């Protein structure tokens, strides 16, 4: 499967779609174009890497409605809104709903390409973060309830002696639990472990 990110262009104006396709492909990016939001939705499956270049005003489902639908379904794809002069208030609404940028027609090619590069970088960063979260969650799932308790106390800064007292076990037992936690979490240091626990709590 090709993992190259795709720039999805959704615009009801065919000349605009063709022009955008040519421009974006001219710098080596992969492009798919759609004449309506409905057509895009029926062909897109969540999880594809890329960004969405979306006309704000179209027959049928508008760009804003598509954005709202994606927000509702928790589909995270960076959206750049393309807007005509009269649609700036709508574009501002879309920014408040999470769009990464809006570009007014007629647009500057370089500014548009720069915006697309930024959106693709944001998508890559988000995917990397999601993969890291999934990995940490899987490691946490390997811990026993007691190991969880020890890990929470360790990352709260408690010493082995304090933990042993709180749990009614020997310091040696705490050391053994602690070693297993470090091993299962694949943590090289206490700082590593603290970062993982913090990352897991941000989910």
Protein backbone atom coordinates (compact mmCIF):
# COMPACT_ATOMS: atom_id res chain seq x y z
CA UNK A 1 0.00 0.00 0.00
CA UNK A 2 1.26 3.47 -0.89
CA UNK A 3 1.79 5.51 2.27
CA UNK A 4 2.45 8.74 0.39
CA UNK A 5 0.07 11.41 1.74
CA UNK A 6 -2.68 12.64 -0.57
CA UNK A 7 -3.98 16.16 -1.06
CA UNK A 8 -7.76 15.80 -1.46
CA UNK A 9 -9.24 18.66 -3.47
CA UNK A 10 -13.01 19.18 -3.11
CA UNK A 11 -14.41 21.94 -5.33
CA UNK A 12 -17.48 22.07 -7.59
CA UNK A 13 -15.63 24.18 -10.19
CA UNK A 14 -13.95 21.78 -12.63
CA UNK A 15 -11.51 24.40 -13.98
CA UNK A 16 -10.43 25.15 -10.39
CA UNK A 17 -10.02 21.41 -9.64
CA UNK A 18 -7.88 20.90 -12.76
CA UNK A 19 -5.77 23.96 -12.00
CA UNK A 20 -5.18 22.87 -8.39
CA UNK A 21 -4.39 19.30 -9.47
CA UNK A 22 -1.79 20.55 -11.96
CA UNK A 23 -0.23 22.96 -9.43
CA UNK A 24 0.01 20.42 -6.60
CA UNK A 25 1.27 17.59 -8.83
CA UNK A 26 3.90 19.94 -10.29
CA UNK A 27 5.72 19.85 -6.93
CA UNK A 28 5.52 16.04 -6.66
CA UNK A 29 2.54 15.69 -4.35
CA UNK A 30 -0.23 13.16 -4.86
CA UNK A 31 -3.69 14.59 -5.58
CA UNK A 32 -7.28 13.32 -5.75
CA UNK A 33 -10.06 15.67 -6.87
CA UNK A 34 -13.80 15.56 -6.14
CA UNK A 35 -16.64 17.72 -7.50
CA UNK A 36 -18.72 17.65 -4.31
CA UNK A 37 -18.44 17.01 -0.58
CA UNK A 38 -20.82 14.04 -0.95
CA UNK A 39 -18.61 12.45 -3.63
CA UNK A 40 -15.54 12.91 -1.42
CA UNK A 41 -17.25 11.40 1.65
CA UNK A 42 -18.35 8.31 -0.28
CA UNK A 43 -14.78 7.70 -1.55
CA UNK A 44 -12.73 8.63 1.54
CA UNK A 45 -11.96 6.19 4.31
CA UNK A 46 -10.71 7.60 7.62
CA UNK A 47 -7.08 6.99 8.34
CA UNK A 48 -5.69 7.97 4.95
CA UNK A 49 -2.72 10.27 5.32
CA UNK A 50 -2.97 13.71 3.81
CA UNK A 51 -4.90 16.96 3.96
CA UNK A 52 -8.12 18.35 2.55
CA UNK A 53 -8.39 21.41 0.31
CA UNK A 54 -12.04 22.31 0.63
CA UNK A 55 -14.21 24.87 -1.15
CA UNK A 56 -16.46 26.49 1.43
CA UNK A 57 -19.51 27.09 -0.80
CA UNK A 58 -20.77 24.18 -2.94
CA UNK A 59 -24.12 22.76 -4.06
CA UNK A 60 -25.31 19.99 -1.74
CA UNK A 61 -23.18 19.60 1.35
CA UNK A 62 -21.10 22.75 1.99
CA UNK A 63 -17.48 22.73 3.09
CA UNK A 64 -18.57 23.77 6.58
CA UNK A 65 -21.11 20.92 6.80
CA UNK A 66 -18.45 18.43 5.72
CA UNK A 67 -16.10 19.80 8.36
CA UNK A 68 -18.82 19.53 11.02
CA UNK A 69 -19.55 15.94 9.98
CA UNK A 70 -15.86 15.02 10.26
CA UNK A 71 -15.60 16.72 13.66
CA UNK A 72 -18.68 14.78 14.83
CA UNK A 73 -17.18 11.50 13.60
CA UNK A 74 -13.78 12.46 15.11
CA UNK A 75 -12.05 12.18 11.74
CA UNK A 76 -8.87 14.20 12.08
CA UNK A 77 -7.59 15.40 8.72
CA UNK A 78 -6.08 18.90 8.39
CA UNK A 79 -8.47 21.10 6.38
CA UNK A 80 -7.54 24.14 4.31
CA UNK A 81 -10.58 26.17 3.26
CA UNK A 82 -10.64 27.80 -0.18
CA UNK A 83 -12.88 30.81 -0.14
CA UNK A 84 -14.24 33.50 -2.46
CA UNK A 85 -14.14 37.12 -1.32
CA UNK A 86 -17.69 37.14 0.09
CA UNK A 87 -17.20 33.98 2.10
CA UNK A 88 -14.59 35.22 4.58
CA UNK A 89 -17.01 35.09 7.59
CA UNK A 90 -17.71 31.43 6.70
CA UNK A 91 -13.98 30.77 6.44
CA UNK A 92 -13.46 32.31 9.87
CA UNK A 93 -16.19 30.01 11.23
CA UNK A 94 -14.37 27.04 9.72
CA UNK A 95 -11.11 28.13 11.37
CA UNK A 96 -12.91 28.23 14.72
CA UNK A 97 -14.15 24.70 13.98
CA UNK A 98 -10.55 23.53 13.52
CA UNK A 99 -9.48 24.29 9.92
CA UNK A 100 -5.73 24.91 9.73
CA UNK A 101 -5.92 27.76 7.19
CA UNK A 102 -8.10 29.54 4.69
CA UNK A 103 -6.96 30.79 1.31
CA UNK A 104 -8.84 33.48 -0.60
CA UNK A 105 -9.40 33.22 -4.37
CA UNK A 106 -7.57 34.24 -6.45
CA UNK A 107 -4.71 32.79 -4.43
CA UNK A 108 -0.95 32.99 -4.60
CA UNK A 109 0.39 29.57 -5.73
CA UNK A 110 3.37 29.63 -3.39
CA UNK A 111 1.27 30.58 -0.37
CA UNK A 112 -1.15 27.76 -1.13
CA UNK A 113 1.65 25.20 -1.52
CA UNK A 114 3.22 26.40 1.74
CA UNK A 115 -0.13 25.99 3.50
CA UNK A 116 -0.46 22.45 2.08
CA UNK A 117 3.07 21.53 3.25
CA UNK A 118 2.23 22.80 6.75
CA UNK A 119 -1.02 20.82 6.80
CA UNK A 120 0.75 17.62 5.68
CA UNK A 121 3.44 18.14 8.36
CA UNK A 122 0.68 18.56 10.96
CA UNK A 123 -0.97 15.33 9.77
CA UNK A 124 2.34 13.42 10.02
CA UNK A 125 2.93 14.76 13.53
CA UNK A 126 -0.60 13.80 14.64
CA UNK A 127 -0.20 10.27 13.22
CA UNK A 128 3.12 9.82 14.97
CA UNK A 129 1.54 11.00 18.26
CA UNK A 130 -1.38 8.57 17.82
CA UNK A 131 0.99 5.65 17.14
CA UNK A 132 3.01 6.54 20.26
CA UNK A 133 -0.18 6.70 22.36
CA UNK A 134 -1.32 3.30 21.09
CA UNK A 135 2.09 1.80 21.91
CA UNK A 136 2.05 3.20 25.48
CA UNK A 137 -1.53 1.95 26.00
CA UNK A 138 -0.50 -1.54 24.88
CA UNK A 139 2.44 -1.56 27.32
CA UNK A 140 0.23 -0.33 30.19
CA UNK A 141 -2.12 -3.20 29.44
CA UNK A 142 0.66 -5.69 30.30
CA UNK A 143 1.01 -4.42 33.88
CA UNK A 144 -0.64 -6.22 36.79
CA UNK A 145 -2.85 -4.13 39.15
CA UNK A 146 -0.04 -4.11 41.73
CA UNK A 147 2.52 -3.00 39.13
CA UNK A 148 0.13 -0.17 38.19
CA UNK A 149 0.00 0.93 41.83
CA UNK A 150 3.79 0.86 42.13
CA UNK A 151 4.21 2.75 38.85
CA UNK A 152 1.80 5.50 39.96
CA UNK A 153 3.63 5.95 43.25
CA UNK A 154 7.07 5.86 41.60
CA UNK A 155 6.06 8.49 39.05
CA UNK A 156 4.59 10.58 41.87
CA UNK A 157 8.11 10.78 43.26
CA UNK A 158 7.71 8.39 46.19
CA UNK A 159 10.76 6.46 47.41
CA UNK A 160 10.78 2.64 47.53
CA UNK A 161 10.60 2.74 51.35
CA UNK A 162 7.46 4.94 51.27
CA UNK A 163 5.82 2.70 48.67
CA UNK A 164 6.65 -0.42 50.71
CA UNK A 165 5.07 1.16 53.78
CA UNK A 166 1.94 2.25 51.89
CA UNK A 167 1.44 -1.19 50.32
CA UNK A 168 2.46 -3.22 53.36
CA UNK A 169 5.24 -5.07 51.54
CA UNK A 170 9.03 -5.17 51.78
CA UNK A 171 11.26 -2.66 49.97
CA UNK A 172 12.75 -5.62 48.08
CA UNK A 173 9.30 -6.53 46.73
CA UNK A 174 8.79 -2.92 45.62
CA UNK A 175 12.18 -3.04 43.85
CA UNK A 176 11.13 -6.21 42.02
CA UNK A 177 7.79 -4.64 40.95
CA UNK A 178 9.58 -1.48 39.89
CA UNK A 179 12.06 -3.44 37.76
CA UNK A 180 9.19 -5.29 36.04
CA UNK A 181 7.36 -2.01 35.39
CA UNK A 182 10.48 -0.52 33.76
CA UNK A 183 10.93 -3.66 31.66
CA UNK A 184 7.30 -3.93 30.52
CA UNK A 185 7.05 -0.20 29.76
CA UNK A 186 10.42 -0.33 27.95
CA UNK A 187 11.55 2.69 29.95
CA UNK A 188 15.29 3.43 30.08
CA UNK A 189 14.96 5.79 33.03
CA UNK A 190 12.50 7.16 35.55
CA UNK A 191 12.18 10.31 33.40
CA UNK A 192 11.16 8.07 30.48
CA UNK A 193 8.50 6.41 32.59
CA UNK A 194 7.13 9.76 33.81
CA UNK A 195 6.85 10.98 30.18
CA UNK A 196 4.89 7.85 29.22
CA UNK A 197 2.48 8.19 32.15
CA UNK A 198 1.93 11.86 31.27
CA UNK A 199 1.35 10.97 27.59
CA UNK A 200 -1.17 8.27 28.57
CA UNK A 201 -3.09 10.73 30.76
CA UNK A 202 -3.49 13.14 27.80
CA UNK A 203 -5.54 10.66 25.79
